[in-house]
């Protein structure tokens, strides 16, 4: 798994690259629809979380109770929150 941030040029390169077998996207509904369409055209599975906030990936060896606590804290906080690096890769 790779986590990549970028603009349209980077996104287009990833979505259309023949070495990419699946795409997960978190972001705006408009961009997500475009990524889903491009993935469908290539026959690549796309999972998109569009328009939400505070996406989190909890790994199999994480402390689940702590992860839930911190995710709920982050989702309900008015302070910007960044999960510890062990949770998101």
C-alpha atoms as a PDB file:
ATOM      1  CA  UNK A   1       0.000   0.000   0.000  1.00  0.00           C
ATOM      2  CA  UNK A   2       1.194   3.508  -0.806  1.00  0.00           C
ATOM      3  CA  UNK A   3      -0.245   6.768   0.453  1.00  0.00           C
ATOM      4  CA  UNK A   4       0.164   9.550  -2.088  1.00  0.00           C
ATOM      5  CA  UNK A   5      -0.831  13.200  -1.986  1.00  0.00           C
ATOM      6  CA  UNK A   6      -0.884  15.223  -5.152  1.00  0.00           C
ATOM      7  CA  UNK A   7      -2.620  17.324  -7.718  1.00  0.00           C
ATOM      8  CA  UNK A   8      -4.561  16.315 -10.825  1.00  0.00           C
ATOM      9  CA  UNK A   9      -1.400  15.494 -12.798  1.00  0.00           C
ATOM     10  CA  UNK A  10      -0.225  13.015 -10.167  1.00  0.00           C
ATOM     11  CA  UNK A  11      -3.703  11.551  -9.750  1.00  0.00           C
ATOM     12  CA  UNK A  12      -4.118  11.037 -13.489  1.00  0.00           C
ATOM     13  CA  UNK A  13      -0.717   9.345 -13.705  1.00  0.00           C
ATOM     14  CA  UNK A  14      -1.647   6.933 -10.911  1.00  0.00           C
ATOM     15  CA  UNK A  15      -5.164   6.176 -12.160  1.00  0.00           C
ATOM     16  CA  UNK A  16      -3.977   5.467 -15.711  1.00  0.00           C
ATOM     17  CA  UNK A  17      -0.747   3.619 -14.865  1.00  0.00           C
ATOM     18  CA  UNK A  18      -0.877  -0.012 -16.023  1.00  0.00           C
ATOM     19  CA  UNK A  19       1.059  -1.130 -12.938  1.00  0.00           C
ATOM     20  CA  UNK A  20      -1.737  -0.023 -10.590  1.00  0.00           C
ATOM     21  CA  UNK A  21      -4.133  -2.885  -9.863  1.00  0.00           C
ATOM     22  CA  UNK A  22      -6.552  -1.162  -7.453  1.00  0.00           C
ATOM     23  CA  UNK A  23      -7.247   2.364  -6.216  1.00  0.00           C
ATOM     24  CA  UNK A  24      -8.492   3.705  -2.898  1.00  0.00           C
ATOM     25  CA  UNK A  25      -9.388   7.378  -2.801  1.00  0.00           C
ATOM     26  CA  UNK A  26     -10.439   9.766  -0.037  1.00  0.00           C
ATOM     27  CA  UNK A  27     -11.465  13.236  -1.097  1.00  0.00           C
ATOM     28  CA  UNK A  28     -14.098  15.274  -2.864  1.00  0.00           C
ATOM     29  CA  UNK A  29     -17.115  13.754  -4.568  1.00  0.00           C
ATOM     30  CA  UNK A  30     -16.278  15.311  -7.943  1.00  0.00           C
ATOM     31  CA  UNK A  31     -12.726  13.989  -8.037  1.00  0.00           C
ATOM     32  CA  UNK A  32     -13.839  10.604  -6.703  1.00  0.00           C
ATOM     33  CA  UNK A  33     -16.380  10.224  -9.500  1.00  0.00           C
ATOM     34  CA  UNK A  34     -13.682  10.918 -12.077  1.00  0.00           C
ATOM     35  CA  UNK A  35     -11.352   8.364 -10.483  1.00  0.00           C
ATOM     36  CA  UNK A  36     -14.140   5.782 -10.329  1.00  0.00           C
ATOM     37  CA  UNK A  37     -14.936   6.329 -14.025  1.00  0.00           C
ATOM     38  CA  UNK A  38     -11.266   6.038 -15.011  1.00  0.00           C
ATOM     39  CA  UNK A  39     -10.878   2.894 -12.928  1.00  0.00           C
ATOM     40  CA  UNK A  40     -14.000   1.360 -14.449  1.00  0.00           C
ATOM     41  CA  UNK A  41     -12.730   2.119 -17.955  1.00  0.00           C
ATOM     42  CA  UNK A  42      -9.525   0.198 -17.126  1.00  0.00           C
ATOM     43  CA  UNK A  43     -11.317  -2.584 -15.223  1.00  0.00           C
ATOM     44  CA  UNK A  44      -9.505  -1.612 -12.018  1.00  0.00           C
ATOM     45  CA  UNK A  45     -11.381  -1.818  -8.701  1.00  0.00           C
ATOM     46  CA  UNK A  46     -11.882   1.563  -7.028  1.00  0.00           C
ATOM     47  CA  UNK A  47     -12.882   2.166  -3.419  1.00  0.00           C
ATOM     48  CA  UNK A  48     -13.791   5.795  -2.812  1.00  0.00           C
ATOM     49  CA  UNK A  49     -14.665   7.640   0.397  1.00  0.00           C
ATOM     50  CA  UNK A  50     -15.958  10.903  -0.979  1.00  0.00           C
ATOM     51  CA  UNK A  51     -16.922  14.043   0.850  1.00  0.00           C
ATOM     52  CA  UNK A  52     -16.135  12.669   4.303  1.00  0.00           C
ATOM     53  CA  UNK A  53     -13.434  13.520   6.753  1.00  0.00           C
ATOM     54  CA  UNK A  54     -11.056  11.785   9.119  1.00  0.00           C
ATOM     55  CA  UNK A  55     -10.430   8.650   7.101  1.00  0.00           C
ATOM     56  CA  UNK A  56      -8.383   6.120   9.074  1.00  0.00           C
ATOM     57  CA  UNK A  57      -6.687   2.817   8.401  1.00  0.00           C
ATOM     58  CA  UNK A  58      -6.323   0.541  11.415  1.00  0.00           C
ATOM     59  CA  UNK A  59      -3.759  -2.189  10.868  1.00  0.00           C
ATOM     60  CA  UNK A  60      -4.269  -5.755  12.037  1.00  0.00           C
ATOM     61  CA  UNK A  61      -1.755  -5.528  14.880  1.00  0.00           C
ATOM     62  CA  UNK A  62      -3.074  -2.221  16.281  1.00  0.00           C
ATOM     63  CA  UNK A  63      -4.605  -1.861  19.740  1.00  0.00           C
ATOM     64  CA  UNK A  64      -8.246  -1.774  18.595  1.00  0.00           C
ATOM     65  CA  UNK A  65      -9.622  -0.100  21.730  1.00  0.00           C
ATOM     66  CA  UNK A  66      -7.015   2.662  21.520  1.00  0.00           C
ATOM     67  CA  UNK A  67      -7.578   3.072  17.781  1.00  0.00           C
ATOM     68  CA  UNK A  68     -11.342   3.479  18.237  1.00  0.00           C
ATOM     69  CA  UNK A  69     -10.806   5.942  21.083  1.00  0.00           C
ATOM     70  CA  UNK A  70      -8.387   8.074  19.067  1.00  0.00           C
ATOM     71  CA  UNK A  71     -10.456   7.978  15.885  1.00  0.00           C
ATOM     72  CA  UNK A  72     -13.560   9.109  17.773  1.00  0.00           C
ATOM     73  CA  UNK A  73     -11.555  11.826  19.495  1.00  0.00           C
ATOM     74  CA  UNK A  74     -10.235  13.030  16.150  1.00  0.00           C
ATOM     75  CA  UNK A  75     -13.650  12.966  14.501  1.00  0.00           C
ATOM     76  CA  UNK A  76     -15.233  15.024  17.273  1.00  0.00           C
ATOM     77  CA  UNK A  77     -12.373  17.454  17.832  1.00  0.00           C
ATOM     78  CA  UNK A  78     -12.158  20.982  16.520  1.00  0.00           C
ATOM     79  CA  UNK A  79      -8.375  20.676  16.627  1.00  0.00           C
ATOM     80  CA  UNK A  80      -6.653  19.223  13.524  1.00  0.00           C
ATOM     81  CA  UNK A  81      -5.607  15.666  14.358  1.00  0.00           C
ATOM     82  CA  UNK A  82      -3.037  13.404  12.777  1.00  0.00           C
ATOM     83  CA  UNK A  83      -2.986   9.702  13.672  1.00  0.00           C
ATOM     84  CA  UNK A  84       0.262   8.194  14.898  1.00  0.00           C
ATOM     85  CA  UNK A  85       2.411   6.899  11.990  1.00  0.00           C
ATOM     86  CA  UNK A  86       1.900   3.255  13.052  1.00  0.00           C
ATOM     87  CA  UNK A  87      -1.793   3.474  12.238  1.00  0.00           C
ATOM     88  CA  UNK A  88      -1.589   4.873   8.733  1.00  0.00           C
ATOM     89  CA  UNK A  89       0.921   3.871   6.114  1.00  0.00           C
END
